[in-house]
Structure formats: C-alpha cells, structure tokens
Amino acid sequence: MNGFLITFYTAQSRSYQGQPIVEWLLAIAKQMDLRGATVINASQGLDHRGQFHSAGFFELADQPVQIQLAVTAEQATKLLNYLNDKHVALFYVKTPIEFGFIGKASLDV
C-alpha cells in the first residue's frame, strides 16, 4: 500500500486545550481510526528558531518528541486538514512511503 509517513516534531511540554499535545494527537489518530502511531522521545534537538532543547536529568518538559503515523493519502489529507481547522501549530514532515504487513501472523497481532 502506498501512503505517507507523517512525523510531527514537538516538545514534551507542549499542550493543546489543556491536554499534552502527544496524548491529544494520539487520541485524534484513534478517533480517525488511524493505525500505527509511534511516539519517539529524543534526547536533544534544535527547534525552528534554532533553540536547543533537551531532556534534563530532573526535568523532561523540554524533551523533544516525534509522533509518527503511517497513513494513506486520504488519511493524511483528512488529518492535516483537521489539525489546520483546529489551528494547531506543529512542524511536520510528510514522506511518501510503501507500507503493509508481512506474513499471516502479523495480521493477528
């Protein structure tokens, strides 16, 4: 199947309407019946303003986070339009991919 890998870049401290943005995005993905979202916590990164962010020993609020979703073209359009309508400010990368399942057992997981 062809589609897109959408990767959102944000920080652990970001929120939307009082909810952590990572949890909010995962809830939206579930609500839209998108399958296979993955959250990746990074140790450090640079933001769009060139500011350094990192996960400190005692403070994780500034920790960079990626949220990745493998979606069809239709799902990508629906998700990005929804986020745009909600006026959510997030940096993302949309990469063309081929995805699917290998073997019968993988469908039962």
N, C-alpha and C. Protein backbone atom coordinates (compact mmCIF):
# COMPACT_ATOMS: atom_id res chain seq x y z
N MET A 1 0.85 -1.16 0.00
CA MET A 1 0.00 0.00 0.00
C MET A 1 0.90 1.23 0.00
N ASN A 2 0.51 2.25 -0.73
CA ASN A 2 1.26 3.50 -0.76
C ASN A 2 0.58 4.54 0.10
N GLY A 3 1.37 5.41 0.65
CA GLY A 3 0.83 6.47 1.50
C GLY A 3 1.93 7.39 1.95
N PHE A 4 1.82 7.85 3.18
CA PHE A 4 2.77 8.81 3.72
C PHE A 4 3.13 8.47 5.16
N LEU A 5 4.36 8.78 5.52
CA LEU A 5 4.78 8.77 6.91
C LEU A 5 4.76 10.23 7.34
N ILE A 6 3.86 10.56 8.25
CA ILE A 6 3.79 11.92 8.77
C ILE A 6 4.47 11.92 10.13
N THR A 7 5.47 12.77 10.25
CA THR A 7 6.21 12.90 11.51
C THR A 7 6.00 14.30 12.05
N PHE A 8 5.45 14.39 13.24
CA PHE A 8 5.28 15.67 13.93
C PHE A 8 6.43 15.83 14.91
N TYR A 9 6.96 17.04 15.00
CA TYR A 9 8.04 17.36 15.92
C TYR A 9 7.52 18.36 16.94
N THR A 10 7.69 18.04 18.21
CA THR A 10 7.21 18.92 19.27
C THR A 10 8.04 18.69 20.53
N ALA A 11 7.58 19.23 21.63
CA ALA A 11 8.26 19.04 22.92
C ALA A 11 7.29 18.43 23.92
N GLN A 12 7.83 17.72 24.87
CA GLN A 12 7.03 17.07 25.89
C GLN A 12 6.11 18.06 26.62
N SER A 13 6.55 19.30 26.74
CA SER A 13 5.81 20.32 27.50
C SER A 13 4.64 20.93 26.74
N ARG A 14 4.56 20.71 25.43
CA ARG A 14 3.50 21.34 24.64
C ARG A 14 2.15 20.74 24.97
N SER A 15 1.13 21.61 24.92
CA SER A 15 -0.24 21.14 25.17
C SER A 15 -1.19 21.82 24.20
N TYR A 16 -2.37 21.23 24.09
CA TYR A 16 -3.45 21.80 23.27
C TYR A 16 -4.73 21.67 24.08
N GLN A 17 -5.37 22.78 24.34
CA GLN A 17 -6.60 22.82 25.13
C GLN A 17 -6.44 22.09 26.47
N GLY A 18 -5.31 22.33 27.12
CA GLY A 18 -5.07 21.77 28.45
C GLY A 18 -4.63 20.32 28.49
N GLN A 19 -4.45 19.69 27.34
CA GLN A 19 -4.03 18.29 27.29
C GLN A 19 -2.65 18.21 26.63
N PRO A 20 -1.75 17.35 27.12
CA PRO A 20 -0.46 17.20 26.45
C PRO A 20 -0.66 16.92 24.97
N ILE A 21 0.08 17.64 24.11
CA ILE A 21 -0.12 17.54 22.66
C ILE A 21 0.09 16.12 22.16
N VAL A 22 1.03 15.38 22.77
CA VAL A 22 1.27 14.00 22.34
C VAL A 22 0.03 13.15 22.58
N GLU A 23 -0.53 13.23 23.77
CA GLU A 23 -1.75 12.48 24.08
C GLU A 23 -2.91 12.92 23.20
N TRP A 24 -3.02 14.22 22.96
CA TRP A 24 -4.10 14.76 22.14
C TRP A 24 -3.99 14.22 20.71
N LEU A 25 -2.77 14.24 20.14
CA LEU A 25 -2.58 13.72 18.78
C LEU A 25 -2.90 12.23 18.69
N LEU A 26 -2.49 11.46 19.68
CA LEU A 26 -2.80 10.03 19.68
C LEU A 26 -4.31 9.80 19.77
N ALA A 27 -5.00 10.61 20.56
CA ALA A 27 -6.46 10.49 20.67
C ALA A 27 -7.12 10.82 19.34
N ILE A 28 -6.62 11.84 18.64
CA ILE A 28 -7.17 12.20 17.33
C ILE A 28 -6.92 11.07 16.34
N ALA A 29 -5.72 10.49 16.36
CA ALA A 29 -5.40 9.37 15.47
C ALA A 29 -6.35 8.20 15.72
N LYS A 30 -6.61 7.90 16.96
CA LYS A 30 -7.54 6.81 17.30
C LYS A 30 -8.96 7.15 16.85
N GLN A 31 -9.37 8.38 17.10
CA GLN A 31 -10.70 8.84 16.70
C GLN A 31 -10.89 8.73 15.18
N MET A 32 -9.82 9.00 14.42
CA MET A 32 -9.88 8.92 12.95
C MET A 32 -9.61 7.51 12.44
N ASP A 33 -9.45 6.55 13.37
CA ASP A 33 -9.17 5.15 13.04
C ASP A 33 -7.87 4.99 12.26
N LEU A 34 -6.87 5.82 12.60
CA LEU A 34 -5.54 5.68 12.00
C LEU A 34 -4.80 4.62 12.80
N ARG A 35 -4.08 3.78 12.11
CA ARG A 35 -3.39 2.67 12.78
C ARG A 35 -1.89 2.90 12.76
N GLY A 36 -1.24 2.56 13.84
CA GLY A 36 0.22 2.55 13.85
C GLY A 36 0.90 3.86 14.17
N ALA A 37 0.42 4.59 15.15
CA ALA A 37 1.12 5.80 15.59
C ALA A 37 2.22 5.40 16.57
N THR A 38 3.37 6.04 16.44
CA THR A 38 4.50 5.77 17.32
C THR A 38 5.04 7.07 17.88
N VAL A 39 5.31 7.09 19.17
CA VAL A 39 5.90 8.26 19.83
C VAL A 39 7.36 7.94 20.11
N ILE A 40 8.24 8.85 19.70
CA ILE A 40 9.68 8.68 19.90
C ILE A 40 10.19 9.85 20.73
N ASN A 41 10.71 9.55 21.90
CA ASN A 41 11.30 10.57 22.76
C ASN A 41 12.77 10.72 22.41
N ALA A 42 13.18 11.95 22.10
CA ALA A 42 14.57 12.22 21.73
C ALA A 42 15.33 12.81 22.92
N SER A 43 16.64 12.68 22.89
CA SER A 43 17.44 13.23 23.98
C SER A 43 17.71 14.72 23.81
N GLN A 44 17.81 15.17 22.55
CA GLN A 44 18.05 16.58 22.29
C GLN A 44 17.70 16.94 20.86
N GLY A 45 17.53 18.25 20.61
CA GLY A 45 17.21 18.71 19.27
C GLY A 45 17.22 20.23 19.18
N LEU A 46 17.11 20.73 17.95
CA LEU A 46 17.02 22.16 17.68
C LEU A 46 15.64 22.44 17.12
N ASP A 47 15.01 23.54 17.56
CA ASP A 47 13.68 23.87 17.04
C ASP A 47 13.79 24.78 15.82
N HIS A 48 12.64 25.22 15.30
CA HIS A 48 12.60 26.03 14.09
C HIS A 48 13.22 27.41 14.27
N ARG A 49 13.46 27.82 15.51
CA ARG A 49 14.13 29.09 15.79
C ARG A 49 15.61 28.89 16.08
N GLY A 50 16.08 27.65 16.00
CA GLY A 50 17.48 27.36 16.28
C GLY A 50 17.79 27.21 17.75
N GLN A 51 16.75 27.10 18.58
CA GLN A 51 16.96 26.95 20.02
C GLN A 51 17.15 25.47 20.37
N PHE A 52 18.09 25.23 21.27
CA PHE A 52 18.43 23.89 21.71
C PHE A 52 17.43 23.41 22.76
N HIS A 53 16.98 22.17 22.64
CA HIS A 53 16.08 21.55 23.62
C HIS A 53 16.65 20.19 24.00
N SER A 54 16.49 19.83 25.27
CA SER A 54 16.99 18.52 25.70
C SER A 54 16.21 18.04 26.91
N ALA A 55 16.33 16.74 27.13
CA ALA A 55 15.74 16.13 28.32
C ALA A 55 16.77 16.21 29.43
N GLY A 56 16.48 17.00 30.44
CA GLY A 56 17.39 17.12 31.57
C GLY A 56 17.24 15.96 32.53
N PHE A 57 18.18 15.80 33.40
CA PHE A 57 18.16 14.70 34.36
C PHE A 57 16.93 14.76 35.25
N PHE A 58 16.56 15.96 35.69
CA PHE A 58 15.41 16.11 36.58
C PHE A 58 14.18 16.67 35.88
N GLU A 59 14.35 17.21 34.70
CA GLU A 59 13.26 17.91 34.01
C GLU A 59 13.11 17.37 32.59
N LEU A 60 11.97 16.75 32.30
CA LEU A 60 11.72 16.20 30.97
C LEU A 60 10.81 17.09 30.13
N ALA A 61 10.34 18.20 30.68
CA ALA A 61 9.37 19.04 29.98
C ALA A 61 9.89 19.56 28.65
N ASP A 62 11.19 19.80 28.54
CA ASP A 62 11.78 20.36 27.32
C ASP A 62 12.22 19.27 26.35
N GLN A 63 11.91 18.01 26.65
CA GLN A 63 12.36 16.89 25.83
C GLN A 63 11.70 16.92 24.45
N PRO A 64 12.51 16.85 23.38
CA PRO A 64 11.95 16.77 22.03
C PRO A 64 11.22 15.44 21.83
N VAL A 65 10.13 15.49 21.08
CA VAL A 65 9.31 14.31 20.83
C VAL A 65 8.89 14.28 19.37
N GLN A 66 8.89 13.07 18.79
CA GLN A 66 8.34 12.85 17.45
C GLN A 66 7.12 11.95 17.58
N ILE A 67 6.10 12.26 16.78
CA ILE A 67 4.94 11.39 16.68
C ILE A 67 4.85 10.99 15.21
N GLN A 68 4.95 9.70 14.92
CA GLN A 68 4.94 9.22 13.54
C GLN A 68 3.68 8.41 13.27
N LEU A 69 3.10 8.65 12.08
CA LEU A 69 1.92 7.90 11.64
C LEU A 69 2.10 7.48 10.19
N ALA A 70 1.92 6.19 9.90
CA ALA A 70 1.91 5.69 8.54
C ALA A 70 0.46 5.67 8.08
N VAL A 71 0.14 6.48 7.06
CA VAL A 71 -1.25 6.67 6.66
C VAL A 71 -1.39 6.67 5.14
N THR A 72 -2.61 6.44 4.67
CA THR A 72 -2.91 6.55 3.25
C THR A 72 -2.95 8.04 2.87
N ALA A 73 -2.97 8.31 1.58
CA ALA A 73 -3.05 9.71 1.12
C ALA A 73 -4.33 10.37 1.63
N GLU A 74 -5.43 9.64 1.58
CA GLU A 74 -6.71 10.18 2.05
C GLU A 74 -6.66 10.49 3.56
N GLN A 75 -6.08 9.57 4.33
CA GLN A 75 -5.97 9.79 5.77
C GLN A 75 -5.05 10.97 6.09
N ALA A 76 -3.97 11.11 5.32
CA ALA A 76 -3.04 12.23 5.53
C ALA A 76 -3.75 13.56 5.31
N THR A 77 -4.50 13.64 4.22
CA THR A 77 -5.24 14.87 3.92
C THR A 77 -6.26 15.17 5.01
N LYS A 78 -6.99 14.15 5.43
CA LYS A 78 -8.00 14.33 6.47
C LYS A 78 -7.37 14.81 7.78
N LEU A 79 -6.27 14.18 8.18
CA LEU A 79 -5.59 14.54 9.43
C LEU A 79 -5.04 15.97 9.38
N LEU A 80 -4.32 16.30 8.32
CA LEU A 80 -3.72 17.63 8.23
C LEU A 80 -4.78 18.72 8.12
N ASN A 81 -5.86 18.45 7.39
CA ASN A 81 -6.96 19.42 7.32
C ASN A 81 -7.60 19.63 8.69
N TYR A 82 -7.78 18.55 9.43
CA TYR A 82 -8.36 18.64 10.77
C TYR A 82 -7.48 19.49 11.68
N LEU A 83 -6.19 19.22 11.68
CA LEU A 83 -5.27 19.99 12.52
C LEU A 83 -5.23 21.45 12.11
N ASN A 84 -5.29 21.70 10.81
CA ASN A 84 -5.32 23.08 10.32
C ASN A 84 -6.60 23.79 10.77
N ASP A 85 -7.72 23.10 10.70
CA ASP A 85 -9.00 23.68 11.14
C ASP A 85 -8.99 23.99 12.64
N LYS A 86 -8.24 23.20 13.41
CA LYS A 86 -8.14 23.41 14.86
C LYS A 86 -7.09 24.47 15.22
N HIS A 87 -6.38 24.98 14.20
CA HIS A 87 -5.33 25.99 14.39
C HIS A 87 -4.21 25.49 15.31
N VAL A 88 -3.86 24.22 15.14
CA VAL A 88 -2.76 23.64 15.90
C VAL A 88 -1.46 23.98 15.18
N ALA A 89 -0.51 24.57 15.89
CA ALA A 89 0.78 24.93 15.31
C ALA A 89 1.78 23.81 15.59
N LEU A 90 2.07 23.01 14.57
CA LEU A 90 3.01 21.90 14.70
C LEU A 90 3.86 21.81 13.44
N PHE A 91 5.15 21.57 13.61
CA PHE A 91 6.02 21.29 12.47
C PHE A 91 5.86 19.82 12.12
N TYR A 92 5.80 19.52 10.81
CA TYR A 92 5.68 18.12 10.39
C TYR A 92 6.47 17.88 9.12
N VAL A 93 6.77 16.62 8.87
CA VAL A 93 7.38 16.16 7.63
C VAL A 93 6.48 15.08 7.08
N LYS A 94 6.16 15.17 5.79
CA LYS A 94 5.28 14.21 5.12
C LYS A 94 6.10 13.52 4.03
N THR A 95 6.40 12.24 4.24
CA THR A 95 7.28 11.49 3.36
C THR A 95 6.52 10.37 2.66
N PRO A 96 6.62 10.27 1.31
CA PRO A 96 5.96 9.16 0.61
C PRO A 96 6.58 7.82 1.03
N ILE A 97 5.71 6.83 1.29
CA ILE A 97 6.18 5.51 1.71
C ILE A 97 5.34 4.40 1.08
N GLU A 98 5.87 3.20 1.14
CA GLU A 98 5.10 1.98 0.87
C GLU A 98 5.04 1.23 2.20
N PHE A 99 3.85 0.76 2.57
CA PHE A 99 3.73 0.05 3.84
C PHE A 99 2.74 -1.09 3.72
N GLY A 100 2.82 -2.02 4.66
CA GLY A 100 1.92 -3.16 4.66
C GLY A 100 2.32 -4.15 5.73
N PHE A 101 1.75 -5.33 5.66
CA PHE A 101 2.05 -6.40 6.61
C PHE A 101 2.77 -7.53 5.87
N ILE A 102 3.64 -8.22 6.59
CA ILE A 102 4.33 -9.39 6.04
C ILE A 102 3.91 -10.60 6.85
N GLY A 103 3.46 -11.62 6.18
CA GLY A 103 3.10 -12.87 6.85
C GLY A 103 1.73 -12.82 7.50
N LYS A 104 1.09 -13.96 7.57
CA LYS A 104 -0.25 -14.06 8.15
C LYS A 104 -0.25 -13.72 9.63
N ALA A 105 0.77 -14.16 10.37
CA ALA A 105 0.82 -13.94 11.82
C ALA A 105 0.80 -12.45 12.16
N SER A 106 1.38 -11.61 11.31
CA SER A 106 1.44 -10.18 11.61
C SER A 106 0.05 -9.54 11.59
N LEU A 107 -0.90 -10.14 10.90
CA LEU A 107 -2.26 -9.61 10.86
C LEU A 107 -3.03 -9.92 12.13
N ASP A 108 -2.58 -10.93 12.88
CA ASP A 108 -3.27 -11.34 14.11
C ASP A 108 -2.80 -10.56 15.34
N VAL A 109 -1.77 -9.76 15.20
CA VAL A 109 -1.19 -9.04 16.34
C VAL A 109 -2.07 -7.88 16.74
